[in-house]
Amino acid sequence: KAVNIAGASVIAAVTNALGGEEIPSVFGGDGASFAVPRELAEWVNAMNLSPYALIGCLVVVYLILGTALDGISMIVLTAAVVLPMIQKAGFDLIWFGIFIILLVEIAEVTPPVGFNLFVLQNMTGKDSNLIAKAALPFFGCLVVCIALITVFPQIVTILPDLVMGIDK
């Protein structure tokens, strides 16, 4: 019986992560809660945020999440909600994938509370202030990279466009 419950939970989680709205009644309920990613994307669209204001909001959210979660957890927990919003804003999904990876790495090394900084402090036994100071150059490089790809998205998309034969 435990295997059946675990299997049902996995199927429901995967369907939810993929933005599924129709869940068979065997999982209980009417499946309405699975429409949350789409509804949230429509709500953000109704706010008429500029695409870069949306990106700014996402930066803040991911920086906060980076204080408590590792990178994979941040992506898995937010992908179903964030991707519909990004699509409605008109961003290239390849660009956004690279952007989000860099943003997650920034969140992980943001002094003084980034998740990776705590891991380093625990592994080395060094003072947290020393670890935070040592992380500053890496943090700065990542910020420059994310600023560059935001201002010049072609940096990210030129190679995939050439491979796929897309002229822009």
C-alpha atoms as a PDB file:
ATOM      1  CA  LYS A   1       0.000   0.000   0.000  1.00  0.00           C
ATOM      2  CA  ALA A   2       2.878   2.394   0.777  1.00  0.00           C
ATOM      3  CA  VAL A   3       4.288   1.804  -2.719  1.00  0.00           C
ATOM      4  CA  ASN A   4       0.943   2.741  -4.298  1.00  0.00           C
ATOM      5  CA  ILE A   5       0.738   5.945  -2.266  1.00  0.00           C
ATOM      6  CA  ALA A   6       4.331   6.852  -3.153  1.00  0.00           C
ATOM      7  CA  GLY A   7       3.665   6.142  -6.831  1.00  0.00           C
ATOM      8  CA  ALA A   8       0.528   8.257  -6.822  1.00  0.00           C
ATOM      9  CA  SER A   9       2.417  11.067  -5.109  1.00  0.00           C
ATOM     10  CA  VAL A  10       5.165  10.965  -7.724  1.00  0.00           C
ATOM     11  CA  ILE A  11       2.660  11.011 -10.597  1.00  0.00           C
ATOM     12  CA  ALA A  12       0.777  13.924  -9.037  1.00  0.00           C
ATOM     13  CA  ALA A  13       4.005  15.862  -8.420  1.00  0.00           C
ATOM     14  CA  VAL A  14       5.267  15.330 -11.970  1.00  0.00           C
ATOM     15  CA  THR A  15       1.918  16.313 -13.440  1.00  0.00           C
ATOM     16  CA  ASN A  16       1.852  19.428 -11.262  1.00  0.00           C
ATOM     17  CA  ALA A  17       5.424  20.320 -12.209  1.00  0.00           C
ATOM     18  CA  LEU A  18       4.505  20.061 -15.871  1.00  0.00           C
ATOM     19  CA  GLY A  19       1.618  22.460 -15.299  1.00  0.00           C
ATOM     20  CA  GLY A  20      -1.068  19.811 -15.690  1.00  0.00           C
ATOM     21  CA  GLU A  21      -4.562  20.923 -14.983  1.00  0.00           C
ATOM     22  CA  GLU A  22      -6.533  17.728 -15.419  1.00  0.00           C
ATOM     23  CA  ILE A  23      -5.761  15.195 -12.719  1.00  0.00           C
ATOM     24  CA  PRO A  24      -7.754  11.986 -12.647  1.00  0.00           C
ATOM     25  CA  SER A  25     -10.226  11.796  -9.789  1.00  0.00           C
ATOM     26  CA  VAL A  26      -8.357   8.818  -8.317  1.00  0.00           C
ATOM     27  CA  PHE A  27      -6.033  11.373  -6.716  1.00  0.00           C
ATOM     28  CA  GLY A  28      -8.985  13.047  -5.042  1.00  0.00           C
ATOM     29  CA  GLY A  29     -10.360  16.530  -5.441  1.00  0.00           C
ATOM     30  CA  ASP A  30     -11.274  18.239  -8.671  1.00  0.00           C
ATOM     31  CA  GLY A  31      -7.747  19.036  -9.809  1.00  0.00           C
ATOM     32  CA  ALA A  32      -8.332  22.784  -9.481  1.00  0.00           C
ATOM     33  CA  SER A  33      -5.194  23.330  -7.400  1.00  0.00           C
ATOM     34  CA  PHE A  34      -3.083  22.123 -10.309  1.00  0.00           C
ATOM     35  CA  ALA A  35      -4.009  25.180 -12.388  1.00  0.00           C
ATOM     36  CA  VAL A  36      -2.015  27.447 -10.046  1.00  0.00           C
ATOM     37  CA  PRO A  37       1.006  27.953 -12.365  1.00  0.00           C
ATOM     38  CA  ARG A  38      -1.198  29.084 -15.245  1.00  0.00           C
ATOM     39  CA  GLU A  39      -3.341  31.311 -13.027  1.00  0.00           C
ATOM     40  CA  LEU A  40      -0.271  32.899 -11.427  1.00  0.00           C
ATOM     41  CA  ALA A  41       1.182  33.599 -14.873  1.00  0.00           C
ATOM     42  CA  GLU A  42      -2.095  35.268 -15.895  1.00  0.00           C
ATOM     43  CA  TRP A  43      -2.122  37.299 -12.659  1.00  0.00           C
ATOM     44  CA  VAL A  44       1.419  38.568 -13.278  1.00  0.00           C
ATOM     45  CA  ASN A  45       0.487  39.326 -16.892  1.00  0.00           C
ATOM     46  CA  ALA A  46      -2.523  41.335 -15.671  1.00  0.00           C
ATOM     47  CA  MET A  47      -0.167  43.460 -13.508  1.00  0.00           C
ATOM     48  CA  ASN A  48       1.376  44.760 -16.749  1.00  0.00           C
ATOM     49  CA  LEU A  49       4.925  44.517 -15.439  1.00  0.00           C
ATOM     50  CA  SER A  50       7.593  45.224 -17.981  1.00  0.00           C
ATOM     51  CA  PRO A  51       9.621  42.125 -18.825  1.00  0.00           C
ATOM     52  CA  TYR A  52      12.640  43.521 -16.994  1.00  0.00           C
ATOM     53  CA  ALA A  53      10.557  44.329 -13.900  1.00  0.00           C
ATOM     54  CA  LEU A  54       9.518  40.670 -13.881  1.00  0.00           C
ATOM     55  CA  ILE A  55      13.174  39.646 -14.145  1.00  0.00           C
ATOM     56  CA  GLY A  56      13.993  42.009 -11.268  1.00  0.00           C
ATOM     57  CA  CYS A  57      11.306  40.407  -9.102  1.00  0.00           C
ATOM     58  CA  LEU A  58      12.647  36.952  -9.927  1.00  0.00           C
ATOM     59  CA  VAL A  59      16.165  38.046  -8.975  1.00  0.00           C
ATOM     60  CA  VAL A  60      14.940  39.085  -5.538  1.00  0.00           C
ATOM     61  CA  VAL A  61      12.990  35.841  -5.055  1.00  0.00           C
ATOM     62  CA  TYR A  62      15.929  33.640  -6.047  1.00  0.00           C
ATOM     63  CA  LEU A  63      18.372  35.589  -3.872  1.00  0.00           C
ATOM     64  CA  ILE A  64      16.097  35.012  -0.896  1.00  0.00           C
ATOM     65  CA  LEU A  65      15.675  31.330  -1.754  1.00  0.00           C
ATOM     66  CA  GLY A  66      19.458  30.982  -2.048  1.00  0.00           C
ATOM     67  CA  THR A  67      19.822  31.602   1.659  1.00  0.00           C
ATOM     68  CA  ALA A  68      18.063  28.358   2.532  1.00  0.00           C
ATOM     69  CA  LEU A  69      17.968  26.030  -0.484  1.00  0.00           C
ATOM     70  CA  ASP A  70      20.415  24.399  -2.841  1.00  0.00           C
ATOM     71  CA  GLY A  71      20.239  25.145  -6.562  1.00  0.00           C
ATOM     72  CA  ILE A  72      18.330  22.091  -7.768  1.00  0.00           C
ATOM     73  CA  SER A  73      15.701  22.577  -5.076  1.00  0.00           C
ATOM     74  CA  MET A  74      15.185  26.190  -6.096  1.00  0.00           C
ATOM     75  CA  ILE A  75      14.706  25.254  -9.745  1.00  0.00           C
ATOM     76  CA  VAL A  76      12.415  22.303  -9.062  1.00  0.00           C
ATOM     77  CA  LEU A  77      10.252  24.268  -6.634  1.00  0.00           C
ATOM     78  CA  THR A  78       9.834  27.299  -8.865  1.00  0.00           C
ATOM     79  CA  ALA A  79       9.912  26.011 -12.455  1.00  0.00           C
ATOM     80  CA  ALA A  80       6.195  25.228 -12.735  1.00  0.00           C
ATOM     81  CA  VAL A  81       5.266  28.724 -11.588  1.00  0.00           C
ATOM     82  CA  VAL A  82       8.021  30.758 -13.236  1.00  0.00           C
ATOM     83  CA  LEU A  83       8.088  29.261 -16.742  1.00  0.00           C
ATOM     84  CA  PRO A  84       4.527  30.284 -17.715  1.00  0.00           C
ATOM     85  CA  MET A  85       5.271  33.834 -16.543  1.00  0.00           C
ATOM     86  CA  ILE A  86       8.487  33.962 -18.554  1.00  0.00           C
ATOM     87  CA  GLN A  87       6.738  32.624 -21.650  1.00  0.00           C
ATOM     88  CA  LYS A  88       3.981  35.243 -21.356  1.00  0.00           C
ATOM     89  CA  ALA A  89       6.642  37.952 -20.966  1.00  0.00           C
ATOM     90  CA  GLY A  90       8.147  36.839 -24.292  1.00  0.00           C
ATOM     91  CA  PHE A  91      11.602  35.750 -23.127  1.00  0.00           C
ATOM     92  CA  ASP A  92      13.556  33.110 -25.035  1.00  0.00           C
ATOM     93  CA  LEU A  93      13.491  29.933 -22.931  1.00  0.00           C
ATOM     94  CA  ILE A  94      17.083  29.029 -23.791  1.00  0.00           C
ATOM     95  CA  TRP A  95      18.179  32.454 -22.601  1.00  0.00           C
ATOM     96  CA  PHE A  96      16.082  32.069 -19.463  1.00  0.00           C
ATOM     97  CA  GLY A  97      17.610  28.662 -18.715  1.00  0.00           C
ATOM     98  CA  ILE A  98      21.114  30.135 -18.748  1.00  0.00           C
ATOM     99  CA  PHE A  99      19.914  33.183 -16.821  1.00  0.00           C
ATOM    100  CA  ILE A 100      18.336  31.059 -14.098  1.00  0.00           C
ATOM    101  CA  ILE A 101      21.442  28.878 -13.721  1.00  0.00           C
ATOM    102  CA  LEU A 102      23.607  31.963 -13.254  1.00  0.00           C
ATOM    103  CA  LEU A 103      21.047  33.480 -10.892  1.00  0.00           C
ATOM    104  CA  VAL A 104      20.937  30.316  -8.786  1.00  0.00           C
ATOM    105  CA  GLU A 105      24.734  30.349  -8.553  1.00  0.00           C
ATOM    106  CA  ILE A 106      24.646  34.002  -7.501  1.00  0.00           C
ATOM    107  CA  ALA A 107      22.068  33.164  -4.840  1.00  0.00           C
ATOM    108  CA  GLU A 108      24.259  30.333  -3.556  1.00  0.00           C
ATOM    109  CA  VAL A 109      27.331  32.552  -3.037  1.00  0.00           C
ATOM    110  CA  THR A 110      25.663  35.809  -1.979  1.00  0.00           C
ATOM    111  CA  PRO A 111      27.602  37.042   1.054  1.00  0.00           C
ATOM    112  CA  PRO A 112      27.007  36.616   3.932  1.00  0.00           C
ATOM    113  CA  VAL A 113      24.070  34.187   3.821  1.00  0.00           C
ATOM    114  CA  GLY A 114      24.440  32.111   0.636  1.00  0.00           C
ATOM    115  CA  PHE A 115      23.846  28.395   1.082  1.00  0.00           C
ATOM    116  CA  ASN A 116      27.253  27.430  -0.363  1.00  0.00           C
ATOM    117  CA  LEU A 117      29.000  29.801   2.030  1.00  0.00           C
ATOM    118  CA  PHE A 118      27.574  27.889   4.983  1.00  0.00           C
ATOM    119  CA  VAL A 119      28.720  24.630   3.424  1.00  0.00           C
ATOM    120  CA  LEU A 120      32.234  26.029   2.951  1.00  0.00           C
ATOM    121  CA  GLN A 121      32.322  27.345   6.492  1.00  0.00           C
ATOM    122  CA  ASN A 122      31.297  23.950   7.828  1.00  0.00           C
ATOM    123  CA  MET A 123      33.856  22.108   5.673  1.00  0.00           C
ATOM    124  CA  THR A 124      36.799  24.410   6.405  1.00  0.00           C
ATOM    125  CA  GLY A 125      36.036  25.506   9.949  1.00  0.00           C
ATOM    126  CA  LYS A 126      36.946  29.092   8.956  1.00  0.00           C
ATOM    127  CA  ASP A 127      35.145  32.212  10.121  1.00  0.00           C
ATOM    128  CA  SER A 128      32.027  33.120   8.110  1.00  0.00           C
ATOM    129  CA  ASN A 129      33.344  36.644   7.493  1.00  0.00           C
ATOM    130  CA  LEU A 130      36.500  35.230   5.894  1.00  0.00           C
ATOM    131  CA  ILE A 131      34.420  32.913   3.700  1.00  0.00           C
ATOM    132  CA  ALA A 132      32.141  35.804   2.672  1.00  0.00           C
ATOM    133  CA  LYS A 133      35.117  38.026   1.770  1.00  0.00           C
ATOM    134  CA  ALA A 134      36.672  35.213  -0.260  1.00  0.00           C
ATOM    135  CA  ALA A 135      33.389  34.753  -2.169  1.00  0.00           C
ATOM    136  CA  LEU A 136      33.077  38.421  -3.183  1.00  0.00           C
ATOM    137  CA  PRO A 137      35.161  38.181  -6.404  1.00  0.00           C
ATOM    138  CA  PHE A 138      33.123  35.187  -7.573  1.00  0.00           C
ATOM    139  CA  PHE A 139      29.909  36.979  -6.690  1.00  0.00           C
ATOM    140  CA  GLY A 140      31.064  40.028  -8.657  1.00  0.00           C
ATOM    141  CA  CYS A 141      31.976  37.968 -11.728  1.00  0.00           C
ATOM    142  CA  LEU A 142      28.582  36.269 -11.714  1.00  0.00           C
ATOM    143  CA  VAL A 143      26.785  39.607 -11.385  1.00  0.00           C
ATOM    144  CA  VAL A 144      28.731  40.969 -14.380  1.00  0.00           C
ATOM    145  CA  CYS A 145      27.845  37.841 -16.394  1.00  0.00           C
ATOM    146  CA  ILE A 146      24.147  38.082 -15.590  1.00  0.00           C
ATOM    147  CA  ALA A 147      24.133  41.803 -16.412  1.00  0.00           C
ATOM    148  CA  LEU A 148      25.817  41.104 -19.759  1.00  0.00           C
ATOM    149  CA  ILE A 149      23.374  38.396 -20.794  1.00  0.00           C
ATOM    150  CA  THR A 150      20.441  40.542 -19.713  1.00  0.00           C
ATOM    151  CA  VAL A 151      21.581  43.534 -21.752  1.00  0.00           C
ATOM    152  CA  PHE A 152      22.885  41.417 -24.661  1.00  0.00           C
ATOM    153  CA  PRO A 153      20.765  38.221 -24.794  1.00  0.00           C
ATOM    154  CA  GLN A 154      22.399  37.339 -28.122  1.00  0.00           C
ATOM    155  CA  ILE A 155      25.440  36.184 -26.124  1.00  0.00           C
ATOM    156  CA  VAL A 156      23.380  33.204 -25.016  1.00  0.00           C
ATOM    157  CA  THR A 157      21.265  32.572 -28.095  1.00  0.00           C
ATOM    158  CA  ILE A 158      23.698  33.024 -30.991  1.00  0.00           C
ATOM    159  CA  LEU A 159      25.130  29.501 -30.952  1.00  0.00           C
ATOM    160  CA  PRO A 160      21.776  27.675 -30.562  1.00  0.00           C
ATOM    161  CA  ASP A 161      20.321  29.881 -33.320  1.00  0.00           C
ATOM    162  CA  LEU A 162      23.209  29.031 -35.653  1.00  0.00           C
ATOM    163  CA  VAL A 163      22.889  25.306 -34.955  1.00  0.00           C
ATOM    164  CA  MET A 164      19.119  25.358 -35.473  1.00  0.00           C
ATOM    165  CA  GLY A 165      19.386  27.555 -38.569  1.00  0.00           C
ATOM    166  CA  ILE A 166      17.319  30.390 -37.107  1.00  0.00           C
ATOM    167  CA  ASP A 167      18.001  33.853 -38.542  1.00  0.00           C
ATOM    168  CA  LYS A 168      17.292  36.763 -36.222  1.00  0.00           C
END
